[in-house]
Amino acid sequence: MLAAALMANIPQADIDPSGIFKYVLIRVHSREERDDSEVDIVRGYGWAEYHADIYDKVAEELEKSGDLDCECIGGGRIRHDAQAKKIHVYGYSMGFGRANHAVTTEKLKARYPDHEVTWDNEGY
């Protein structure tokens, strides 16, 4: 059950401190036999030109131990206004499709309990 322990230590959400940027929703699975545990994580960064840039970097880091496997289950954009304590999730990824923004929003609310976190399916 090494994979389950590893997954328990993965931050559920990691995004840039402010700005408008792309994000991906990644499902992390165990590679161990008879272990069907999984966790969804949110990653969003301004340095990424494409959604795949974020996914590739995060998946490479998480999969290097050989115990975990990653799958991108969608993407979108995040507008993070740290001063106003507001996060808005919207849009979609051309390559991965639209993430379930409701799931993303719940992960961000847990990570930023003092922020107003909203979402919609508008925009690109």
C-alpha atoms as a PDB file:
ATOM      1  CA  MET A   1       0.000   0.000   0.000  1.00  0.00           C
ATOM      2  CA  LEU A   2       2.901   2.296  -0.718  1.00  0.00           C
ATOM      3  CA  ALA A   3       0.906   4.050  -3.438  1.00  0.00           C
ATOM      4  CA  ALA A   4      -1.893   4.951  -1.018  1.00  0.00           C
ATOM      5  CA  ALA A   5       0.657   6.481   1.361  1.00  0.00           C
ATOM      6  CA  LEU A   6       2.236   8.434  -1.490  1.00  0.00           C
ATOM      7  CA  MET A   7      -1.163   9.705  -2.644  1.00  0.00           C
ATOM      8  CA  ALA A   8      -2.040  10.851   0.878  1.00  0.00           C
ATOM      9  CA  ASN A   9       0.952  13.208   0.746  1.00  0.00           C
ATOM     10  CA  ILE A  10       0.164  14.784  -2.636  1.00  0.00           C
ATOM     11  CA  PRO A  11      -1.273  18.309  -2.269  1.00  0.00           C
ATOM     12  CA  GLN A  12      -4.861  18.302  -3.616  1.00  0.00           C
ATOM     13  CA  ALA A  13      -4.388  21.714  -5.227  1.00  0.00           C
ATOM     14  CA  ASP A  14      -1.322  23.663  -6.276  1.00  0.00           C
ATOM     15  CA  ILE A  15      -1.783  26.850  -8.296  1.00  0.00           C
ATOM     16  CA  ASP A  16       0.064  30.094  -8.878  1.00  0.00           C
ATOM     17  CA  PRO A  17      -0.429  32.725  -6.156  1.00  0.00           C
ATOM     18  CA  SER A  18      -2.173  35.112  -8.563  1.00  0.00           C
ATOM     19  CA  GLY A  19      -2.999  35.769 -12.209  1.00  0.00           C
ATOM     20  CA  ILE A  20      -4.887  34.066 -15.024  1.00  0.00           C
ATOM     21  CA  PHE A  21      -3.474  30.714 -16.109  1.00  0.00           C
ATOM     22  CA  LYS A  22      -4.216  27.270 -17.482  1.00  0.00           C
ATOM     23  CA  TYR A  23      -4.937  24.356 -15.173  1.00  0.00           C
ATOM     24  CA  VAL A  24      -5.391  20.599 -15.424  1.00  0.00           C
ATOM     25  CA  LEU A  25      -7.315  18.098 -13.320  1.00  0.00           C
ATOM     26  CA  ILE A  26      -5.202  14.959 -12.935  1.00  0.00           C
ATOM     27  CA  ARG A  27      -6.357  11.569 -11.650  1.00  0.00           C
ATOM     28  CA  VAL A  28      -3.545   9.761  -9.851  1.00  0.00           C
ATOM     29  CA  HIS A  29      -3.912   5.957  -9.632  1.00  0.00           C
ATOM     30  CA  SER A  30      -2.024   3.266  -7.774  1.00  0.00           C
ATOM     31  CA  ARG A  31      -0.011   0.835  -9.917  1.00  0.00           C
ATOM     32  CA  GLU A  32      -0.074  -1.825  -7.200  1.00  0.00           C
ATOM     33  CA  GLU A  33      -2.099  -4.999  -7.721  1.00  0.00           C
ATOM     34  CA  ARG A  34      -5.451  -5.065  -5.939  1.00  0.00           C
ATOM     35  CA  ASP A  35      -5.122  -1.394  -5.034  1.00  0.00           C
ATOM     36  CA  ASP A  36      -7.728   0.692  -6.833  1.00  0.00           C
ATOM     37  CA  SER A  37      -7.130   3.845  -4.822  1.00  0.00           C
ATOM     38  CA  GLU A  38      -7.021   7.119  -6.696  1.00  0.00           C
ATOM     39  CA  VAL A  39      -7.048  10.839  -6.031  1.00  0.00           C
ATOM     40  CA  ASP A  40      -7.829  13.868  -8.217  1.00  0.00           C
ATOM     41  CA  ILE A  41      -5.449  16.815  -8.017  1.00  0.00           C
ATOM     42  CA  VAL A  42      -5.514  20.349  -9.447  1.00  0.00           C
ATOM     43  CA  ARG A  43      -2.431  21.992 -10.914  1.00  0.00           C
ATOM     44  CA  GLY A  44      -2.400  25.460 -12.506  1.00  0.00           C
ATOM     45  CA  TYR A  45       0.561  27.611 -13.517  1.00  0.00           C
ATOM     46  CA  GLY A  46       1.195  30.732 -15.548  1.00  0.00           C
ATOM     47  CA  TRP A  47       4.433  29.415 -17.064  1.00  0.00           C
ATOM     48  CA  ALA A  48       2.559  26.829 -19.147  1.00  0.00           C
ATOM     49  CA  GLU A  49       1.934  27.630 -22.796  1.00  0.00           C
ATOM     50  CA  TYR A  50      -0.238  24.511 -23.132  1.00  0.00           C
ATOM     51  CA  HIS A  51      -2.263  22.421 -20.682  1.00  0.00           C
ATOM     52  CA  ALA A  52      -0.083  19.450 -21.646  1.00  0.00           C
ATOM     53  CA  ASP A  53       3.003  21.291 -20.340  1.00  0.00           C
ATOM     54  CA  ILE A  54       1.561  21.186 -16.823  1.00  0.00           C
ATOM     55  CA  TYR A  55       0.358  17.599 -17.120  1.00  0.00           C
ATOM     56  CA  ASP A  56       3.669  16.323 -18.511  1.00  0.00           C
ATOM     57  CA  LYS A  57       5.727  17.952 -15.748  1.00  0.00           C
ATOM     58  CA  VAL A  58       3.451  16.828 -12.890  1.00  0.00           C
ATOM     59  CA  ALA A  59       2.983  13.293 -14.259  1.00  0.00           C
ATOM     60  CA  GLU A  60       6.732  12.848 -14.707  1.00  0.00           C
ATOM     61  CA  GLU A  61       7.379  13.829 -11.083  1.00  0.00           C
ATOM     62  CA  LEU A  62       4.594  11.642  -9.650  1.00  0.00           C
ATOM     63  CA  GLU A  63       5.300   8.577 -11.819  1.00  0.00           C
ATOM     64  CA  LYS A  64       9.077   8.430 -11.294  1.00  0.00           C
ATOM     65  CA  SER A  65       8.804   6.129  -8.253  1.00  0.00           C
ATOM     66  CA  GLY A  66       6.936   3.568 -10.374  1.00  0.00           C
ATOM     67  CA  ASP A  67       4.120   3.266  -7.812  1.00  0.00           C
ATOM     68  CA  LEU A  68       1.729   5.828  -9.310  1.00  0.00           C
ATOM     69  CA  ASP A  69       0.133   6.384 -12.691  1.00  0.00           C
ATOM     70  CA  CYS A  70      -1.410   9.661 -13.878  1.00  0.00           C
ATOM     71  CA  GLU A  71      -4.225  10.497 -16.274  1.00  0.00           C
ATOM     72  CA  CYS A  72      -5.332  13.978 -17.295  1.00  0.00           C
ATOM     73  CA  ILE A  73      -9.117  14.178 -17.008  1.00  0.00           C
ATOM     74  CA  GLY A  74      -9.533  17.713 -18.333  1.00  0.00           C
ATOM     75  CA  GLY A  75      -8.421  21.287 -18.115  1.00  0.00           C
ATOM     76  CA  GLY A  76      -9.490  24.888 -18.103  1.00  0.00           C
ATOM     77  CA  ARG A  77      -8.386  28.235 -16.777  1.00  0.00           C
ATOM     78  CA  ILE A  78      -8.167  29.827 -13.364  1.00  0.00           C
ATOM     79  CA  ARG A  79      -8.337  33.522 -12.490  1.00  0.00           C
ATOM     80  CA  HIS A  80      -6.764  33.952  -9.051  1.00  0.00           C
ATOM     81  CA  ASP A  81      -7.096  37.389  -7.490  1.00  0.00           C
ATOM     82  CA  ALA A  82      -5.188  36.954  -4.237  1.00  0.00           C
ATOM     83  CA  GLN A  83      -5.837  40.514  -3.019  1.00  0.00           C
ATOM     84  CA  ALA A  84      -9.599  40.166  -3.402  1.00  0.00           C
ATOM     85  CA  LYS A  85      -9.400  36.540  -2.199  1.00  0.00           C
ATOM     86  CA  LYS A  86     -11.283  35.293  -5.256  1.00  0.00           C
ATOM     87  CA  ILE A  87     -10.667  32.318  -7.511  1.00  0.00           C
ATOM     88  CA  HIS A  88     -12.729  31.707 -10.655  1.00  0.00           C
ATOM     89  CA  VAL A  89     -12.512  28.456 -12.641  1.00  0.00           C
ATOM     90  CA  TYR A  90     -13.709  28.382 -16.256  1.00  0.00           C
ATOM     91  CA  GLY A  91     -13.035  27.315 -19.835  1.00  0.00           C
ATOM     92  CA  TYR A  92     -11.589  24.115 -21.245  1.00  0.00           C
ATOM     93  CA  SER A  93      -8.481  22.507 -22.711  1.00  0.00           C
ATOM     94  CA  MET A  94      -8.280  21.947 -26.474  1.00  0.00           C
ATOM     95  CA  GLY A  95      -6.217  18.796 -25.899  1.00  0.00           C
ATOM     96  CA  PHE A  96      -7.817  17.295 -22.780  1.00  0.00           C
ATOM     97  CA  GLY A  97     -11.365  18.662 -22.902  1.00  0.00           C
ATOM     98  CA  ARG A  98     -13.228  20.424 -20.104  1.00  0.00           C
ATOM     99  CA  ALA A  99     -12.363  19.414 -16.553  1.00  0.00           C
ATOM    100  CA  ASN A 100     -15.153  18.911 -14.050  1.00  0.00           C
ATOM    101  CA  HIS A 101     -14.952  22.435 -12.640  1.00  0.00           C
ATOM    102  CA  ALA A 102     -17.156  21.469  -9.678  1.00  0.00           C
ATOM    103  CA  VAL A 103     -14.471  18.981  -8.546  1.00  0.00           C
ATOM    104  CA  THR A 104     -11.735  21.552  -9.140  1.00  0.00           C
ATOM    105  CA  THR A 105     -13.682  24.163  -7.157  1.00  0.00           C
ATOM    106  CA  GLU A 106     -14.047  21.831  -4.150  1.00  0.00           C
ATOM    107  CA  LYS A 107     -10.284  21.122  -4.146  1.00  0.00           C
ATOM    108  CA  LEU A 108      -9.535  24.854  -4.313  1.00  0.00           C
ATOM    109  CA  LYS A 109     -12.027  25.668  -1.533  1.00  0.00           C
ATOM    110  CA  ALA A 110     -10.226  23.169   0.710  1.00  0.00           C
ATOM    111  CA  ARG A 111      -6.823  24.679  -0.159  1.00  0.00           C
ATOM    112  CA  TYR A 112      -8.039  28.319   0.078  1.00  0.00           C
ATOM    113  CA  PRO A 113     -10.793  28.326   2.723  1.00  0.00           C
ATOM    114  CA  ASP A 114     -10.654  32.138   3.013  1.00  0.00           C
ATOM    115  CA  HIS A 115     -11.278  32.673  -0.742  1.00  0.00           C
ATOM    116  CA  GLU A 116     -14.519  32.935  -2.667  1.00  0.00           C
ATOM    117  CA  VAL A 117     -14.208  30.143  -5.269  1.00  0.00           C
ATOM    118  CA  THR A 118     -16.607  30.122  -8.236  1.00  0.00           C
ATOM    119  CA  TRP A 119     -16.833  28.402 -11.609  1.00  0.00           C
ATOM    120  CA  ASP A 120     -18.718  28.360 -14.889  1.00  0.00           C
ATOM    121  CA  ASN A 121     -18.364  26.713 -18.297  1.00  0.00           C
ATOM    122  CA  GLU A 122     -17.992  29.947 -20.236  1.00  0.00           C
ATOM    123  CA  GLY A 123     -14.923  31.057 -22.140  1.00  0.00           C
ATOM    124  CA  TYR A 124     -11.870  29.290 -23.419  1.00  0.00           C
END
